[in-house]
Protein backbone atom coordinates (compact mmCIF):
# COMPACT_ATOMS: atom_id res chain seq x y z
CA UNK A 1 0.00 0.00 0.00
CA UNK A 2 1.37 3.46 -0.88
CA UNK A 3 2.51 6.05 1.64
CA UNK A 4 -0.31 8.29 0.43
CA UNK A 5 -2.79 5.70 1.67
CA UNK A 6 -1.12 5.75 5.12
CA UNK A 7 -0.11 9.35 5.73
CA UNK A 8 1.98 10.15 8.78
CA UNK A 9 0.00 11.33 11.75
CA UNK A 10 0.89 15.02 12.12
CA UNK A 11 0.35 14.81 15.87
CA UNK A 12 2.76 11.94 16.58
CA UNK A 13 5.48 14.21 17.97
CA UNK A 14 3.03 15.83 20.39
CA UNK A 15 1.63 12.45 21.43
CA UNK A 16 5.20 11.47 22.32
CA UNK A 17 5.36 14.40 24.75
CA UNK A 18 2.22 13.12 26.49
CA UNK A 19 3.58 9.59 26.84
CA UNK A 20 5.29 8.42 30.06
CA UNK A 21 9.02 9.17 30.20
CA UNK A 22 11.31 6.58 28.64
CA UNK A 23 14.05 5.01 30.75
CA UNK A 24 16.99 2.92 29.52
CA UNK A 25 17.87 0.09 31.93
CA UNK A 26 21.36 -1.39 31.55
CA UNK A 27 22.56 -4.55 33.32
CA UNK A 28 24.34 -7.67 32.09
CA UNK A 29 22.21 -9.94 34.33
CA UNK A 30 18.74 -10.76 32.88
CA UNK A 31 17.35 -11.34 36.39
CA UNK A 32 18.29 -7.80 37.40
CA UNK A 33 16.61 -6.37 34.30
CA UNK A 34 13.47 -8.37 35.06
CA UNK A 35 13.41 -6.98 38.60
CA UNK A 36 13.81 -3.42 37.31
CA UNK A 37 11.02 -4.05 34.82
CA UNK A 38 8.63 -5.16 37.56
CA UNK A 39 9.48 -2.13 39.71
CA UNK A 40 9.21 0.51 36.97
CA UNK A 41 7.01 -0.69 34.12
CA UNK A 42 3.80 0.73 35.53
CA UNK A 43 5.10 4.31 35.44
CA UNK A 44 7.55 4.46 32.54
CA UNK A 45 8.27 3.22 29.06
CA UNK A 46 11.31 0.97 29.28
CA UNK A 47 14.18 0.10 26.97
CA UNK A 48 16.86 -2.43 27.86
CA UNK A 49 20.53 -3.14 27.18
CA UNK A 50 22.76 -5.97 28.44
CA UNK A 51 26.18 -4.53 27.60
CA UNK A 52 28.02 -1.25 27.37
CA UNK A 53 28.13 -1.06 23.56
CA UNK A 54 24.43 -1.93 23.34
CA UNK A 55 23.65 0.74 25.94
CA UNK A 56 25.44 3.40 23.89
CA UNK A 57 23.58 2.37 20.74
CA UNK A 58 20.20 2.31 22.47
CA UNK A 59 20.82 5.66 24.15
CA UNK A 60 21.40 7.27 20.76
CA UNK A 61 18.38 5.57 19.24
CA UNK A 62 15.70 6.13 21.88
CA UNK A 63 17.02 9.26 23.66
CA UNK A 64 15.79 8.19 27.13
CA UNK A 65 14.98 10.76 29.78
CA UNK A 66 17.21 8.86 32.25
CA UNK A 67 19.55 5.84 32.21
CA UNK A 68 19.72 3.33 35.08
CA UNK A 69 23.20 1.84 34.69
CA UNK A 70 25.02 -1.08 36.33
CA UNK A 71 28.73 -0.62 37.04
CA UNK A 72 30.16 -4.15 37.09
CA UNK A 73 29.69 -5.44 33.55
CA UNK A 74 32.13 -7.56 31.53
CA UNK A 75 34.16 -5.78 28.89
CA UNK A 76 32.82 -2.24 29.01
CA UNK A 77 32.02 -1.26 32.61
CA UNK A 78 29.43 1.25 33.67
CA UNK A 79 32.20 3.77 34.25
CA UNK A 80 33.34 3.29 30.65
CA UNK A 81 29.76 3.73 29.45
CA UNK A 82 29.17 7.02 31.26
CA UNK A 83 32.46 8.41 29.93
CA UNK A 84 31.35 7.56 26.40
CA UNK A 85 27.87 9.01 26.98
CA UNK A 86 29.29 12.31 28.24
CA UNK A 87 31.69 12.50 25.28
CA UNK A 88 28.87 12.20 22.72
CA UNK A 89 26.87 15.41 22.11
CA UNK A 90 23.78 13.30 21.35
CA UNK A 91 23.78 11.68 24.79
CA UNK A 92 25.83 13.99 27.02
CA UNK A 93 22.79 15.62 28.64
CA UNK A 94 21.00 12.36 29.53
CA UNK A 95 21.14 11.89 33.33
CA UNK A 96 22.66 8.63 34.54
CA UNK A 97 21.73 6.87 37.80
CA UNK A 98 24.13 4.12 38.83
CA UNK A 99 22.46 1.00 40.26
CA UNK A 100 25.16 -1.36 41.51
CA UNK A 101 26.30 -3.75 44.23
CA UNK A 102 29.36 -1.58 44.83
CA UNK A 103 28.32 0.16 48.04
CA UNK A 104 31.50 1.68 49.49
CA UNK A 105 31.72 5.45 49.85
CA UNK A 106 34.66 5.61 47.46
CA UNK A 107 32.65 3.72 44.82
CA UNK A 108 29.80 6.19 45.09
CA UNK A 109 32.21 9.14 44.97
CA UNK A 110 33.85 7.72 41.85
CA UNK A 111 30.49 7.35 40.10
CA UNK A 112 29.35 10.85 40.97
CA UNK A 113 32.70 12.28 39.87
CA UNK A 114 32.12 10.79 36.42
CA UNK A 115 28.88 12.75 36.09
CA UNK A 116 26.20 10.44 37.49
CA UNK A 117 23.27 12.24 39.10
CA UNK A 118 22.72 9.57 41.75
CA UNK A 119 23.91 6.22 43.09
CA UNK A 120 21.61 3.41 44.30
CA UNK A 121 23.02 0.19 45.76
CA UNK A 122 21.77 -3.36 45.27
CA UNK A 123 19.73 -5.09 46.46
CA UNK A 124 17.44 -2.26 45.46
CA UNK A 125 14.62 -0.87 47.55
CA UNK A 126 11.76 -0.34 45.04
CA UNK A 127 10.32 2.72 46.86
CA UNK A 128 13.77 4.33 47.08
CA UNK A 129 14.56 3.68 43.41
CA UNK A 130 11.20 5.04 42.26
CA UNK A 131 11.61 8.13 44.45
CA UNK A 132 15.14 8.83 43.16
CA UNK A 133 14.00 8.50 39.55
CA UNK A 134 11.00 10.81 40.09
CA UNK A 135 13.27 13.40 41.69
CA UNK A 136 15.77 13.46 38.84
CA UNK A 137 13.13 13.51 36.13
CA UNK A 138 11.54 16.50 37.89
CA UNK A 139 14.93 18.24 37.92
CA UNK A 140 15.34 17.58 34.19
CA UNK A 141 11.90 19.05 33.52
CA UNK A 142 12.70 22.11 35.63
CA UNK A 143 15.96 22.64 33.75
CA UNK A 144 14.15 22.37 30.42
CA UNK A 145 11.59 24.97 31.53
CA UNK A 146 14.37 27.32 32.64
CA UNK A 147 16.26 26.89 29.36
CA UNK A 148 13.08 27.61 27.44
CA UNK A 149 12.37 30.70 29.53
CA UNK A 150 15.90 32.00 28.89
CA UNK A 151 15.55 31.40 25.17
CA UNK A 152 12.24 33.26 25.07
CA UNK A 153 13.91 36.18 26.85
CA UNK A 154 16.74 36.21 24.31
CA UNK A 155 14.39 36.00 21.34
CA UNK A 156 12.21 38.81 22.60
CA UNK A 157 15.33 40.90 23.15
CA UNK A 158 16.30 40.28 19.53
CA UNK A 159 12.80 41.26 18.41
CA UNK A 160 13.38 44.77 19.77
CA UNK A 161 16.54 45.06 17.66
CA UNK A 162 14.51 44.86 14.45
CA UNK A 163 12.79 48.08 15.50
CA UNK A 164 15.89 50.03 16.46
CA UNK A 165 19.31 51.15 15.31
CA UNK A 166 20.93 49.06 18.02
CA UNK A 167 22.61 45.75 17.24
CA UNK A 168 22.55 42.26 18.68
CA UNK A 169 26.13 42.78 19.81
CA UNK A 170 25.06 45.84 21.80
CA UNK A 171 22.69 43.62 23.76
CA UNK A 172 25.45 41.08 24.41
CA UNK A 173 27.94 43.74 25.48
CA UNK A 174 25.63 45.65 27.79
CA UNK A 175 24.36 42.43 29.38
CA UNK A 176 27.87 41.23 30.22
CA UNK A 177 28.83 44.73 31.35
CA UNK A 178 25.81 44.76 33.68
CA UNK A 179 26.89 41.47 35.20
CA UNK A 180 30.47 42.68 35.72
CA UNK A 181 29.22 45.86 37.42
CA UNK A 182 26.96 43.79 39.69
CA UNK A 183 29.90 41.54 40.61
CA UNK A 184 32.01 44.60 41.46
CA UNK A 185 29.18 45.80 43.71
CA UNK A 186 29.30 42.50 45.62
CA UNK A 187 25.98 41.12 44.38
CA UNK A 188 25.35 37.37 44.90
CA UNK A 189 26.22 35.04 42.03
CA UNK A 190 22.57 34.13 41.36
CA UNK A 191 21.68 37.82 41.08
CA UNK A 192 24.53 38.43 38.64
CA UNK A 193 23.57 35.50 36.41
CA UNK A 194 19.90 36.51 36.44
CA UNK A 195 20.87 40.06 35.51
CA UNK A 196 22.92 38.75 32.59
CA UNK A 197 19.84 36.92 31.28
CA UNK A 198 17.32 39.69 32.00
CA UNK A 199 19.22 42.74 30.71
CA UNK A 200 18.63 41.98 26.98
CA UNK A 201 14.93 42.75 27.53
CA UNK A 202 15.54 46.35 28.56
CA UNK A 203 14.24 47.90 25.32
CA UNK A 204 11.55 45.37 24.37
CA UNK A 205 8.95 48.16 24.66
CA UNK A 206 10.36 49.81 21.53
CA UNK A 207 8.34 47.24 19.58
CA UNK A 208 5.35 49.47 20.35
CA UNK A 209 6.96 52.72 19.13
CA UNK A 210 6.11 53.72 15.52
CA UNK A 211 9.02 53.50 13.09
CA UNK A 212 8.55 57.14 12.08
CA UNK A 213 9.56 58.11 15.62
CA UNK A 214 12.03 55.37 16.48
CA UNK A 215 14.04 55.72 13.26
CA UNK A 216 13.72 59.48 12.81
CA UNK A 217 17.19 60.82 11.89
CA UNK A 218 16.71 64.21 13.57
CA UNK A 219 15.60 65.33 17.01
CA UNK A 220 12.18 64.35 18.26
CA UNK A 221 9.57 67.02 18.93
CA UNK A 222 7.61 67.11 22.17
CA UNK A 223 4.75 65.01 20.82
CA UNK A 224 7.17 62.37 19.53
CA UNK A 225 9.07 62.34 22.83
CA UNK A 226 5.82 61.76 24.66
CA UNK A 227 5.34 58.60 22.61
CA UNK A 228 8.96 57.49 23.02
CA UNK A 229 8.71 57.85 26.79
CA UNK A 230 5.97 55.24 26.79
CA UNK A 231 8.29 52.42 25.74
CA UNK A 232 9.41 51.46 29.29
CA UNK A 233 5.78 50.90 30.33
CA UNK A 234 5.13 49.06 27.06
CA UNK A 235 8.08 46.81 27.82
CA UNK A 236 6.82 46.06 31.30
CA UNK A 237 3.39 45.24 29.88
CA UNK A 238 4.88 42.90 27.26
CA UNK A 239 6.88 40.97 29.85
CA UNK A 240 3.93 40.87 32.24
CA UNK A 241 3.77 39.91 35.89
CA UNK A 242 5.21 36.39 35.92
CA UNK A 243 6.34 35.08 39.35
CA UNK A 244 9.74 33.83 38.13
CA UNK A 245 12.70 35.89 39.45
CA UNK A 246 14.09 36.18 35.92
CA UNK A 247 10.96 37.70 34.40
CA UNK A 248 10.34 39.87 37.45
CA UNK A 249 13.82 41.33 37.05
CA UNK A 250 13.38 41.74 33.29
CA UNK A 251 10.13 43.62 33.85
CA UNK A 252 11.69 45.94 36.42
CA UNK A 253 14.64 46.70 34.13
CA UNK A 254 12.38 47.41 31.15
CA UNK A 255 10.23 49.75 33.24
CA UNK A 256 12.97 51.63 35.10
CA UNK A 257 16.16 51.73 33.01
CA UNK A 258 15.46 55.32 31.86
CA UNK A 259 14.93 56.58 35.39
CA UNK A 260 17.77 58.78 36.68
CA UNK A 261 19.44 58.96 40.06
CA UNK A 262 18.41 62.61 40.51
CA UNK A 263 14.75 61.95 39.66
CA UNK A 264 14.79 63.59 36.21
CA UNK A 265 14.23 60.39 34.24
CA UNK A 266 11.10 58.67 32.94
CA UNK A 267 8.47 57.23 32.93
CA UNK A 268 7.78 57.84 36.66
CA UNK A 269 10.49 60.24 37.80
CA UNK A 270 11.83 57.81 40.38
CA UNK A 271 14.82 59.00 42.39
CA UNK A 272 17.78 57.36 44.09
CA UNK A 273 17.10 54.07 45.83
CA UNK A 274 13.47 54.11 44.70
CA UNK A 275 14.94 52.83 41.41
CA UNK A 276 15.76 49.12 41.54
CA UNK A 277 19.45 48.22 41.73
CA UNK A 278 19.24 46.23 38.51
CA UNK A 279 17.79 49.18 36.59
CA UNK A 280 20.48 51.48 37.99
CA UNK A 281 23.16 49.03 36.86
CA UNK A 282 21.69 48.56 33.39
CA UNK A 283 21.44 52.34 32.91
CA UNK A 284 25.21 52.63 33.38
CA UNK A 285 26.02 49.65 31.16
CA UNK A 286 23.59 50.70 28.43
CA UNK A 287 24.79 54.31 28.13
CA UNK A 288 28.49 53.43 28.34
CA UNK A 289 28.09 50.92 25.53
CA UNK A 290 26.07 53.35 23.40
CA UNK A 291 28.72 56.05 23.80
CA UNK A 292 31.73 53.87 23.02
CA UNK A 293 30.35 52.12 19.91
CA UNK A 294 29.58 53.58 16.50
CA UNK A 295 26.16 53.64 14.89
CA UNK A 296 25.30 54.44 11.28
CA UNK A 297 24.26 57.89 12.48
CA UNK A 298 27.16 58.66 14.86
CA UNK A 299 30.82 57.89 15.57
CA UNK A 300 32.04 56.07 18.67
CA UNK A 301 33.32 58.25 21.47
CA UNK A 302 36.90 57.59 22.64
CA UNK A 303 36.91 55.67 25.88
CA UNK A 304 38.37 58.57 27.88
CA UNK A 305 35.62 60.94 26.71
CA UNK A 306 32.93 58.39 27.57
CA UNK A 307 34.41 57.79 31.02
CA UNK A 308 34.57 61.52 31.68
CA UNK A 309 30.88 61.77 30.80
CA UNK A 310 29.94 58.84 33.05
CA UNK A 311 31.81 60.42 35.97
CA UNK A 312 30.29 63.83 35.27
CA UNK A 313 26.81 62.29 35.35
CA UNK A 314 27.52 60.24 38.51
CA UNK A 315 24.98 61.39 41.08
CA UNK A 316 22.85 62.98 38.36
CA UNK A 317 21.91 60.41 35.73
CA UNK A 318 23.76 57.49 37.29
CA UNK A 319 24.02 55.68 40.61
CA UNK A 320 27.49 56.71 41.88
CA UNK A 321 28.29 53.23 43.21
CA UNK A 322 27.59 51.70 39.79
CA UNK A 323 29.87 54.21 38.05
CA UNK A 324 32.66 53.36 40.48
CA UNK A 325 32.04 49.65 39.87
CA UNK A 326 32.31 50.29 36.12
CA UNK A 327 35.72 51.90 36.67
CA UNK A 328 36.91 49.02 38.87
CA UNK A 329 36.02 46.41 36.24
CA UNK A 330 36.94 48.56 33.24
CA UNK A 331 39.60 46.17 31.87
CA UNK A 332 37.15 43.26 31.88
CA UNK A 333 34.37 45.41 30.43
CA UNK A 334 36.61 46.69 27.68
CA UNK A 335 37.61 43.12 26.85
CA UNK A 336 33.91 42.33 26.37
CA UNK A 337 33.60 45.36 24.07
CA UNK A 338 36.54 44.23 21.98
CA UNK A 339 35.29 40.65 21.74
CA UNK A 340 31.82 41.73 20.57
CA UNK A 341 32.67 44.72 18.41
CA UNK A 342 30.13 45.85 15.83
CA UNK A 343 30.97 45.49 12.18
CA UNK A 344 29.21 48.30 10.41
CA UNK A 345 30.07 48.40 6.67
CA UNK A 346 31.13 52.06 6.91
CA UNK A 347 31.55 52.51 10.65
CA UNK A 348 32.53 55.97 11.80
CA UNK A 349 35.93 56.20 13.38
CA UNK A 350 36.18 57.45 16.93
CA UNK A 351 36.80 61.18 17.10
């Protein structure tokens, strides 16, 4: 019968996402595999392998969500298998749980050092094994959600670039600069990494500004400025009020990055510490990058001129502590600028 008579189901891939997670169980003893089957088959789809080489082949073929792996196998041991899994880009991210009779502390430490997520000793306790597997599958799902959230943030940040004269490299530079400033201020590591991910969303509200205003070559009149000043609120509205720390920070940055330390900024005229720390940091990183890089409509400022401006505006436009942090990390920040330089076809030279 022809393929046309049996067309592929267009929903197969989505049905796969609804199916129970697939596990790959690896042990050279059939009795052990049968025991694992009885313990796990009600909750998961199961694939099996009885040797190291077969495990590697099956892992590539079925892409399991987790591998339960014996250590003591003839020929290729479990340790050899996990090394090969981690060396293969197709299987490197698959979590491995060792299930073995080797119960000494040094055996467990060796397995974890090779990249295993957990270590269960034989004879297995079915409730313990099921609980460990549920825990690690939940962690995998959480990591996937976080990666997806980060990618959405990056893509939305890029969307704003299509409406502006800025470049994708500007977003990269100012994001890394923001993180370096936060580090110099003594912010916790988690804060710094979240800031790195959230900063690219600072100008997402420009999507809502008409091109005639956003791309106008000359100065804006008062009516046009009134529209332009709406883009921070538009950005906050686009990001919304999600409970995740990343999106909460992104929303705050989008809303407040044009506020000024002396209260003369917009959209709400916030002053001093009423402005969030992340927005104060991004304001410094954003302006310094804009000054020191060329655009089709302007040359780059020399670094010394830009630094003089930043220091002049310290306590006016900018949070003084953030300006000092910029100066302390200037070598690292400048290295970021040089790594991610723009490549305009006819870039203006610095004057």
